[in-house]
Amino acid sequence: MHRLLKKLLISLTLAAALVASAWAITLEEAARKVAEKYDARVVSAQTVEQRGRRIHVIRILTRDGVVRTVRVPADED
């Protein structure tokens, strides 16, 4: 019985992790969306942790020559 319970808990944990990752947006997806939204070129992109949450930080260069920084949550709620 103990083994069965252990396997069930492991399975539920893995299933929860898979569901959470399905809501996540990759750095590449975030950079592409930001570039399209602002009609700009991506200068740099990185993922950082702020206040316990993952944030994609995307720097873009607009057509007007302005560099902007856009932050996109990595995990959509």
N, C-alpha and C. Protein backbone atom coordinates (compact mmCIF):
# COMPACT_ATOMS: atom_id res chain seq x y z
N MET A 1 0.82 -1.19 0.00
CA MET A 1 0.00 0.00 0.00
C MET A 1 0.87 1.26 0.00
N HIS A 2 1.94 1.23 0.75
CA HIS A 2 2.84 2.38 0.83
C HIS A 2 3.45 2.69 -0.53
N ARG A 3 3.81 1.67 -1.27
CA ARG A 3 4.38 1.85 -2.62
C ARG A 3 3.39 2.48 -3.57
N LEU A 4 2.16 2.02 -3.50
CA LEU A 4 1.11 2.54 -4.37
C LEU A 4 0.87 4.02 -4.09
N LEU A 5 0.83 4.38 -2.84
CA LEU A 5 0.63 5.77 -2.46
C LEU A 5 1.79 6.64 -2.95
N LYS A 6 3.00 6.14 -2.81
CA LYS A 6 4.19 6.87 -3.25
C LYS A 6 4.15 7.09 -4.77
N LYS A 7 3.79 6.06 -5.52
CA LYS A 7 3.70 6.18 -6.98
C LYS A 7 2.60 7.16 -7.38
N LEU A 8 1.49 7.14 -6.65
CA LEU A 8 0.39 8.05 -6.95
C LEU A 8 0.82 9.50 -6.70
N LEU A 9 1.50 9.75 -5.60
CA LEU A 9 1.97 11.10 -5.30
C LEU A 9 2.97 11.59 -6.34
N ILE A 10 3.86 10.74 -6.77
CA ILE A 10 4.83 11.11 -7.80
C ILE A 10 4.10 11.43 -9.11
N SER A 11 3.14 10.63 -9.46
CA SER A 11 2.37 10.86 -10.70
C SER A 11 1.61 12.18 -10.64
N LEU A 12 0.99 12.46 -9.50
CA LEU A 12 0.25 13.71 -9.37
C LEU A 12 1.17 14.92 -9.43
N THR A 13 2.35 14.81 -8.83
CA THR A 13 3.32 15.89 -8.87
C THR A 13 3.79 16.16 -10.29
N LEU A 14 4.09 15.11 -11.03
CA LEU A 14 4.51 15.26 -12.42
C LEU A 14 3.40 15.85 -13.28
N ALA A 15 2.18 15.42 -13.05
CA ALA A 15 1.05 15.94 -13.83
C ALA A 15 0.86 17.43 -13.55
N ALA A 16 0.99 17.84 -12.29
CA ALA A 16 0.85 19.26 -11.95
C ALA A 16 1.95 20.08 -12.60
N ALA A 17 3.16 19.55 -12.65
CA ALA A 17 4.28 20.27 -13.28
C ALA A 17 4.03 20.43 -14.78
N LEU A 18 3.50 19.42 -15.42
CA LEU A 18 3.21 19.50 -16.85
C LEU A 18 2.13 20.53 -17.15
N VAL A 19 1.11 20.58 -16.31
CA VAL A 19 0.03 21.56 -16.51
C VAL A 19 0.57 22.97 -16.34
N ALA A 20 1.39 23.20 -15.34
CA ALA A 20 1.96 24.52 -15.11
C ALA A 20 2.84 24.94 -16.27
N SER A 21 3.62 24.03 -16.83
CA SER A 21 4.50 24.38 -17.94
C SER A 21 3.70 24.66 -19.22
N ALA A 22 2.49 24.12 -19.31
CA ALA A 22 1.65 24.39 -20.48
C ALA A 22 1.23 25.85 -20.51
N TRP A 23 1.16 26.50 -19.34
CA TRP A 23 0.77 27.90 -19.27
C TRP A 23 1.96 28.83 -19.46
N ALA A 24 3.16 28.30 -19.42
CA ALA A 24 4.36 29.13 -19.51
C ALA A 24 4.60 29.57 -20.95
N ILE A 25 5.19 30.74 -21.10
CA ILE A 25 5.57 31.25 -22.41
C ILE A 25 7.10 31.23 -22.47
N THR A 26 7.64 30.74 -23.56
CA THR A 26 9.09 30.67 -23.68
C THR A 26 9.67 32.05 -23.97
N LEU A 27 10.96 32.18 -23.74
CA LEU A 27 11.65 33.44 -24.00
C LEU A 27 11.53 33.80 -25.48
N GLU A 28 11.68 32.81 -26.36
CA GLU A 28 11.60 33.06 -27.80
C GLU A 28 10.21 33.54 -28.20
N GLU A 29 9.17 32.91 -27.63
CA GLU A 29 7.79 33.34 -27.94
C GLU A 29 7.55 34.77 -27.46
N ALA A 30 8.01 35.07 -26.25
CA ALA A 30 7.82 36.41 -25.70
C ALA A 30 8.54 37.45 -26.55
N ALA A 31 9.76 37.16 -26.96
CA ALA A 31 10.53 38.10 -27.78
C ALA A 31 9.84 38.34 -29.12
N ARG A 32 9.34 37.28 -29.72
CA ARG A 32 8.65 37.41 -31.01
C ARG A 32 7.39 38.26 -30.87
N LYS A 33 6.60 38.01 -29.84
CA LYS A 33 5.36 38.75 -29.63
C LYS A 33 5.63 40.23 -29.37
N VAL A 34 6.65 40.51 -28.57
CA VAL A 34 6.99 41.91 -28.27
C VAL A 34 7.46 42.62 -29.54
N ALA A 35 8.31 41.95 -30.33
CA ALA A 35 8.81 42.55 -31.57
C ALA A 35 7.65 42.85 -32.53
N GLU A 36 6.70 41.93 -32.63
CA GLU A 36 5.55 42.15 -33.50
C GLU A 36 4.66 43.27 -32.98
N LYS A 37 4.41 43.27 -31.68
CA LYS A 37 3.52 44.27 -31.09
C LYS A 37 4.04 45.69 -31.28
N TYR A 38 5.34 45.88 -31.11
CA TYR A 38 5.93 47.21 -31.21
C TYR A 38 6.58 47.48 -32.57
N ASP A 39 6.47 46.54 -33.50
CA ASP A 39 7.09 46.66 -34.82
C ASP A 39 8.56 47.08 -34.64
N ALA A 40 9.28 46.26 -33.87
CA ALA A 40 10.64 46.60 -33.49
C ALA A 40 11.55 45.39 -33.65
N ARG A 41 12.84 45.64 -33.44
CA ARG A 41 13.85 44.59 -33.52
C ARG A 41 14.32 44.27 -32.10
N VAL A 42 14.43 42.98 -31.78
CA VAL A 42 14.88 42.57 -30.45
C VAL A 42 16.39 42.76 -30.37
N VAL A 43 16.81 43.49 -29.34
CA VAL A 43 18.23 43.74 -29.11
C VAL A 43 18.79 42.69 -28.15
N SER A 44 18.03 42.38 -27.10
CA SER A 44 18.45 41.34 -26.16
C SER A 44 17.22 40.78 -25.47
N ALA A 45 17.37 39.59 -24.93
CA ALA A 45 16.28 38.95 -24.21
C ALA A 45 16.87 38.01 -23.17
N GLN A 46 16.32 38.07 -21.97
CA GLN A 46 16.77 37.17 -20.91
C GLN A 46 15.62 36.93 -19.95
N THR A 47 15.72 35.84 -19.20
CA THR A 47 14.73 35.52 -18.19
C THR A 47 15.37 35.73 -16.83
N VAL A 48 14.67 36.47 -15.97
CA VAL A 48 15.17 36.74 -14.62
C VAL A 48 14.08 36.36 -13.62
N GLU A 49 14.46 36.29 -12.35
CA GLU A 49 13.49 36.03 -11.30
C GLU A 49 13.33 37.30 -10.47
N GLN A 50 12.08 37.74 -10.34
CA GLN A 50 11.77 38.93 -9.54
C GLN A 50 10.63 38.58 -8.60
N ARG A 51 10.86 38.78 -7.32
CA ARG A 51 9.85 38.51 -6.30
C ARG A 51 9.30 37.09 -6.41
N GLY A 52 10.18 36.14 -6.69
CA GLY A 52 9.78 34.74 -6.76
C GLY A 52 9.08 34.33 -8.04
N ARG A 53 9.03 35.21 -9.04
CA ARG A 53 8.39 34.89 -10.32
C ARG A 53 9.38 35.07 -11.45
N ARG A 54 9.25 34.25 -12.47
CA ARG A 54 10.11 34.37 -13.65
C ARG A 54 9.53 35.42 -14.58
N ILE A 55 10.40 36.32 -15.04
CA ILE A 55 10.01 37.42 -15.93
C ILE A 55 10.96 37.42 -17.13
N HIS A 56 10.40 37.52 -18.34
CA HIS A 56 11.23 37.69 -19.53
C HIS A 56 11.45 39.20 -19.72
N VAL A 57 12.71 39.59 -19.79
CA VAL A 57 13.06 41.00 -20.01
C VAL A 57 13.56 41.13 -21.44
N ILE A 58 12.80 41.85 -22.26
CA ILE A 58 13.08 41.98 -23.68
C ILE A 58 13.45 43.43 -23.98
N ARG A 59 14.62 43.64 -24.56
CA ARG A 59 15.02 44.99 -25.00
C ARG A 59 14.83 45.06 -26.50
N ILE A 60 14.16 46.12 -26.95
CA ILE A 60 13.87 46.26 -28.37
C ILE A 60 14.35 47.61 -28.87
N LEU A 61 14.56 47.67 -30.18
CA LEU A 61 14.90 48.91 -30.86
C LEU A 61 13.76 49.24 -31.81
N THR A 62 13.08 50.36 -31.56
CA THR A 62 11.94 50.74 -32.39
C THR A 62 12.40 51.35 -33.71
N ARG A 63 11.47 51.53 -34.61
CA ARG A 63 11.81 52.16 -35.90
C ARG A 63 12.29 53.59 -35.73
N ASP A 64 11.89 54.24 -34.62
CA ASP A 64 12.31 55.61 -34.33
C ASP A 64 13.70 55.67 -33.70
N GLY A 65 14.32 54.50 -33.50
CA GLY A 65 15.65 54.46 -32.91
C GLY A 65 15.66 54.50 -31.39
N VAL A 66 14.52 54.25 -30.78
CA VAL A 66 14.41 54.27 -29.32
C VAL A 66 14.55 52.84 -28.79
N VAL A 67 15.38 52.68 -27.75
CA VAL A 67 15.53 51.38 -27.10
C VAL A 67 14.54 51.34 -25.93
N ARG A 68 13.71 50.30 -25.91
CA ARG A 68 12.73 50.13 -24.83
C ARG A 68 12.94 48.78 -24.18
N THR A 69 12.57 48.68 -22.92
CA THR A 69 12.61 47.41 -22.19
C THR A 69 11.18 47.01 -21.86
N VAL A 70 10.82 45.79 -22.25
CA VAL A 70 9.47 45.27 -22.00
C VAL A 70 9.62 44.03 -21.14
N ARG A 71 8.81 43.95 -20.09
CA ARG A 71 8.82 42.78 -19.20
C ARG A 71 7.56 41.96 -19.42
N VAL A 72 7.74 40.65 -19.60
CA VAL A 72 6.63 39.75 -19.86
C VAL A 72 6.69 38.62 -18.83
N PRO A 73 5.59 38.38 -18.09
CA PRO A 73 5.60 37.27 -17.15
C PRO A 73 5.83 35.95 -17.88
N ALA A 74 6.73 35.13 -17.37
CA ALA A 74 7.03 33.85 -18.02
C ALA A 74 5.91 32.84 -17.78
N ASP A 75 5.26 32.95 -16.65
CA ASP A 75 4.17 32.04 -16.30
C ASP A 75 2.87 32.80 -16.29
N GLU A 76 2.01 32.47 -17.23
CA GLU A 76 0.71 33.13 -17.32
C GLU A 76 -0.20 32.56 -16.25
N ASP A 77 -0.94 33.39 -15.56
CA ASP A 77 -1.89 32.92 -14.53
C ASP A 77 -3.28 32.83 -15.09
